[in-house]
């Protein structure tokens, strides 16, 4: 093929892809808006943290899972009296 033939084929393809991208972006911008009724129901997030709750979470005891990937030796040493519901 000659260089003019390649340019003749690639030019419409590039124009088509560019138009496709532009119209896709325009379509997404037009259709992805929040309706007015939904917008009135949306409550903004508060800008402050509840530091008391965060402190309480930090005070929690660490819980070790009963079923974990431990070697068999360590599982055999746990007696039934040590396991409490």
N, C-alpha and C. Protein backbone atom coordinates (compact mmCIF):
# COMPACT_ATOMS: atom_id res chain seq x y z
N UNK A 1 0.84 -1.18 0.00
CA UNK A 1 0.00 0.00 0.00
C UNK A 1 0.88 1.24 0.00
N UNK A 2 0.36 2.22 -0.60
CA UNK A 2 1.10 3.48 -0.63
C UNK A 2 0.77 4.30 0.62
N UNK A 3 1.58 5.28 0.86
CA UNK A 3 1.39 6.12 2.05
C UNK A 3 0.08 6.90 1.95
N UNK A 4 -0.32 7.31 0.74
CA UNK A 4 -1.58 8.04 0.57
C UNK A 4 -2.77 7.14 0.90
N UNK A 5 -2.68 5.85 0.57
CA UNK A 5 -3.77 4.92 0.88
C UNK A 5 -3.92 4.74 2.39
N UNK A 6 -2.81 4.65 3.08
CA UNK A 6 -2.86 4.49 4.54
C UNK A 6 -3.45 5.74 5.19
N UNK A 7 -3.03 6.90 4.76
CA UNK A 7 -3.58 8.15 5.29
C UNK A 7 -5.06 8.26 4.97
N UNK A 8 -5.46 7.83 3.78
CA UNK A 8 -6.86 7.87 3.37
C UNK A 8 -7.73 6.97 4.26
N UNK A 9 -7.16 5.85 4.72
CA UNK A 9 -7.91 4.94 5.59
C UNK A 9 -7.87 5.41 7.05
N UNK A 10 -6.75 5.89 7.51
CA UNK A 10 -6.61 6.27 8.92
C UNK A 10 -7.33 7.56 9.28
N UNK A 11 -7.44 8.49 8.35
CA UNK A 11 -8.09 9.78 8.65
C UNK A 11 -9.54 9.60 9.09
N UNK A 12 -10.38 8.87 8.36
CA UNK A 12 -11.77 8.70 8.84
C UNK A 12 -11.85 7.92 10.16
N UNK A 13 -10.94 6.97 10.34
CA UNK A 13 -10.95 6.20 11.59
C UNK A 13 -10.62 7.11 12.78
N UNK A 14 -9.62 7.96 12.65
CA UNK A 14 -9.26 8.88 13.73
C UNK A 14 -10.40 9.85 14.01
N UNK A 15 -11.02 10.37 12.97
CA UNK A 15 -12.16 11.29 13.16
C UNK A 15 -13.30 10.57 13.86
N UNK A 16 -13.59 9.33 13.45
CA UNK A 16 -14.67 8.56 14.06
C UNK A 16 -14.39 8.30 15.54
N UNK A 17 -13.17 7.90 15.88
CA UNK A 17 -12.83 7.62 17.28
C UNK A 17 -12.90 8.89 18.11
N UNK A 18 -12.41 9.99 17.60
CA UNK A 18 -12.47 11.27 18.32
C UNK A 18 -13.92 11.68 18.56
N UNK A 19 -14.77 11.56 17.54
CA UNK A 19 -16.20 11.90 17.69
C UNK A 19 -16.86 10.98 18.71
N UNK A 20 -16.51 9.70 18.67
CA UNK A 20 -17.08 8.74 19.60
C UNK A 20 -16.73 9.12 21.04
N UNK A 21 -15.50 9.50 21.29
CA UNK A 21 -15.06 9.89 22.63
C UNK A 21 -15.80 11.15 23.09
N UNK A 22 -15.90 12.15 22.21
CA UNK A 22 -16.57 13.41 22.56
C UNK A 22 -18.04 13.17 22.88
N UNK A 23 -18.73 12.40 22.03
CA UNK A 23 -20.16 12.16 22.28
C UNK A 23 -20.38 11.25 23.49
N UNK A 24 -19.45 10.37 23.77
CA UNK A 24 -19.58 9.53 24.96
C UNK A 24 -19.45 10.38 26.22
N UNK A 25 -18.50 11.30 26.24
CA UNK A 25 -18.34 12.19 27.39
C UNK A 25 -19.56 13.08 27.56
N UNK A 26 -20.09 13.60 26.46
CA UNK A 26 -21.28 14.45 26.52
C UNK A 26 -22.48 13.65 27.03
N UNK A 27 -22.63 12.42 26.57
CA UNK A 27 -23.74 11.58 27.01
C UNK A 27 -23.65 11.29 28.51
N UNK A 28 -22.45 10.97 28.99
CA UNK A 28 -22.28 10.71 30.42
C UNK A 28 -22.57 11.95 31.26
N UNK A 29 -22.16 13.11 30.77
CA UNK A 29 -22.41 14.35 31.52
C UNK A 29 -23.90 14.67 31.57
N UNK A 30 -24.62 14.36 30.51
CA UNK A 30 -26.05 14.67 30.47
C UNK A 30 -26.89 13.69 31.27
N UNK A 31 -26.50 12.44 31.31
CA UNK A 31 -27.35 11.42 31.93
C UNK A 31 -26.97 11.08 33.36
N UNK A 32 -25.85 11.53 33.87
CA UNK A 32 -25.43 11.12 35.21
C UNK A 32 -25.66 12.22 36.25
N UNK A 33 -26.73 12.96 36.10
CA UNK A 33 -27.04 13.99 37.08
C UNK A 33 -28.01 13.44 38.13
N UNK A 34 -27.98 14.02 39.30
CA UNK A 34 -28.88 13.63 40.38
C UNK A 34 -30.17 14.42 40.23
N UNK A 35 -31.29 13.71 40.33
CA UNK A 35 -32.58 14.39 40.19
C UNK A 35 -32.81 15.34 41.37
N UNK A 36 -33.68 16.30 41.17
CA UNK A 36 -33.94 17.31 42.19
C UNK A 36 -34.56 16.68 43.44
N UNK A 37 -35.45 15.70 43.27
CA UNK A 37 -36.08 15.06 44.44
C UNK A 37 -35.06 14.27 45.25
N UNK A 38 -34.11 13.62 44.57
CA UNK A 38 -33.08 12.89 45.28
C UNK A 38 -32.09 13.84 45.95
N UNK A 39 -31.81 14.94 45.32
CA UNK A 39 -30.85 15.89 45.86
C UNK A 39 -31.36 16.50 47.17
N UNK A 40 -32.67 16.66 47.32
CA UNK A 40 -33.21 17.20 48.57
C UNK A 40 -33.12 16.19 49.70
N UNK A 41 -33.05 14.89 49.37
CA UNK A 41 -32.97 13.84 50.39
C UNK A 41 -31.55 13.56 50.84
N UNK A 42 -30.57 14.01 50.09
CA UNK A 42 -29.18 13.75 50.42
C UNK A 42 -28.74 14.70 51.53
N UNK A 43 -28.17 14.12 52.59
CA UNK A 43 -27.72 14.92 53.73
C UNK A 43 -26.19 15.00 53.67
N UNK A 44 -25.62 16.18 53.78
CA UNK A 44 -24.16 16.28 53.74
C UNK A 44 -23.52 15.64 54.97
N UNK A 45 -22.30 15.16 54.80
CA UNK A 45 -21.55 14.53 55.89
C UNK A 45 -21.03 15.62 56.82
N UNK A 46 -21.12 15.34 58.13
CA UNK A 46 -20.61 16.30 59.10
C UNK A 46 -19.09 16.39 59.00
N UNK A 47 -18.56 17.56 59.28
CA UNK A 47 -17.14 17.78 59.12
C UNK A 47 -16.32 17.49 60.37
N UNK A 48 -16.94 17.04 61.43
CA UNK A 48 -16.19 16.81 62.67
C UNK A 48 -16.26 15.33 63.05
N UNK A 49 -15.21 14.86 63.72
CA UNK A 49 -15.15 13.48 64.17
C UNK A 49 -15.65 13.39 65.61
N UNK A 50 -16.24 12.27 65.92
CA UNK A 50 -16.67 12.00 67.28
C UNK A 50 -15.48 11.37 68.02
N UNK A 51 -14.70 12.20 68.69
CA UNK A 51 -13.46 11.72 69.32
C UNK A 51 -13.75 10.79 70.49
N UNK A 52 -14.87 10.95 71.14
CA UNK A 52 -15.21 10.05 72.26
C UNK A 52 -15.42 8.64 71.75
N UNK A 53 -16.09 8.48 70.65
CA UNK A 53 -16.33 7.15 70.09
C UNK A 53 -15.02 6.53 69.62
N UNK A 54 -14.14 7.31 69.02
CA UNK A 54 -12.85 6.80 68.58
C UNK A 54 -12.03 6.35 69.78
N UNK A 55 -12.08 7.09 70.88
CA UNK A 55 -11.36 6.69 72.09
C UNK A 55 -11.92 5.39 72.65
N UNK A 56 -13.23 5.22 72.63
CA UNK A 56 -13.85 3.98 73.11
C UNK A 56 -13.45 2.79 72.24
N UNK A 57 -13.35 3.00 70.95
CA UNK A 57 -12.94 1.92 70.05
C UNK A 57 -11.50 1.51 70.34
N UNK A 58 -10.66 2.48 70.63
CA UNK A 58 -9.25 2.19 70.93
C UNK A 58 -9.11 1.43 72.25
N UNK A 59 -10.07 1.55 73.17
CA UNK A 59 -10.01 0.88 74.47
C UNK A 59 -10.48 -0.57 74.40
N UNK A 60 -11.04 -1.00 73.30
CA UNK A 60 -11.57 -2.35 73.19
C UNK A 60 -10.46 -3.39 73.33
N UNK A 61 -10.85 -4.53 73.87
CA UNK A 61 -9.90 -5.63 73.98
C UNK A 61 -9.69 -6.25 72.61
N UNK A 62 -8.49 -6.73 72.40
CA UNK A 62 -8.18 -7.40 71.14
C UNK A 62 -8.71 -8.83 71.21
N UNK A 63 -9.47 -9.22 70.22
CA UNK A 63 -10.07 -10.55 70.19
C UNK A 63 -9.28 -11.42 69.22
N UNK A 64 -8.83 -12.57 69.73
CA UNK A 64 -8.11 -13.51 68.89
C UNK A 64 -9.12 -14.51 68.34
N UNK A 65 -9.16 -14.71 67.03
CA UNK A 65 -10.14 -15.64 66.47
C UNK A 65 -9.89 -17.07 66.94
N UNK A 66 -10.97 -17.80 67.18
CA UNK A 66 -10.86 -19.17 67.64
C UNK A 66 -10.31 -20.06 66.53
N UNK A 67 -10.80 -19.85 65.32
CA UNK A 67 -10.36 -20.65 64.18
C UNK A 67 -9.43 -19.82 63.32
N UNK A 68 -8.16 -20.02 63.50
CA UNK A 68 -7.18 -19.30 62.70
C UNK A 68 -6.16 -20.28 62.16
N UNK A 69 -5.30 -19.84 61.31
CA UNK A 69 -4.28 -20.69 60.71
C UNK A 69 -3.10 -20.81 61.65
N UNK A 70 -3.25 -21.65 62.65
CA UNK A 70 -2.19 -21.88 63.62
C UNK A 70 -1.65 -23.30 63.41
N UNK A 71 -0.40 -23.52 63.79
CA UNK A 71 0.12 -24.89 63.72
C UNK A 71 -0.66 -25.82 64.64
N UNK A 72 -0.66 -27.11 64.35
CA UNK A 72 -1.44 -28.07 65.13
C UNK A 72 -0.96 -28.17 66.57
N UNK A 73 0.33 -27.94 66.84
CA UNK A 73 0.84 -28.04 68.20
C UNK A 73 0.17 -27.02 69.12
N UNK A 74 0.01 -25.78 68.63
CA UNK A 74 -0.58 -24.75 69.48
C UNK A 74 -2.07 -25.00 69.69
N UNK A 75 -2.73 -25.64 68.75
CA UNK A 75 -4.14 -25.94 68.93
C UNK A 75 -4.35 -27.07 69.94
N UNK A 76 -3.42 -27.99 70.01
CA UNK A 76 -3.55 -29.12 70.92
C UNK A 76 -3.34 -28.69 72.37
N UNK A 77 -2.65 -27.61 72.64
CA UNK A 77 -2.36 -27.20 74.00
C UNK A 77 -3.53 -26.45 74.65
N UNK A 78 -4.52 -26.05 73.89
CA UNK A 78 -5.66 -25.32 74.44
C UNK A 78 -6.63 -26.32 75.04
N UNK A 79 -6.96 -26.16 76.32
CA UNK A 79 -7.89 -27.07 76.97
C UNK A 79 -9.31 -26.53 76.85
N UNK A 80 -10.26 -27.36 77.15
CA UNK A 80 -11.65 -26.97 77.04
C UNK A 80 -12.03 -25.95 78.10
N UNK A 81 -11.34 -25.92 79.24
CA UNK A 81 -11.64 -24.98 80.30
C UNK A 81 -11.24 -23.55 79.90
N UNK A 82 -10.22 -23.42 79.05
CA UNK A 82 -9.75 -22.10 78.65
C UNK A 82 -10.70 -21.45 77.64
N UNK A 83 -11.45 -22.25 76.91
CA UNK A 83 -12.35 -21.72 75.89
C UNK A 83 -13.69 -21.41 76.55
N UNK A 84 -14.06 -20.14 76.54
CA UNK A 84 -15.35 -19.73 77.11
C UNK A 84 -16.16 -19.05 76.02
N UNK A 85 -17.43 -19.31 76.01
CA UNK A 85 -18.27 -18.67 74.96
C UNK A 85 -18.44 -17.19 75.21
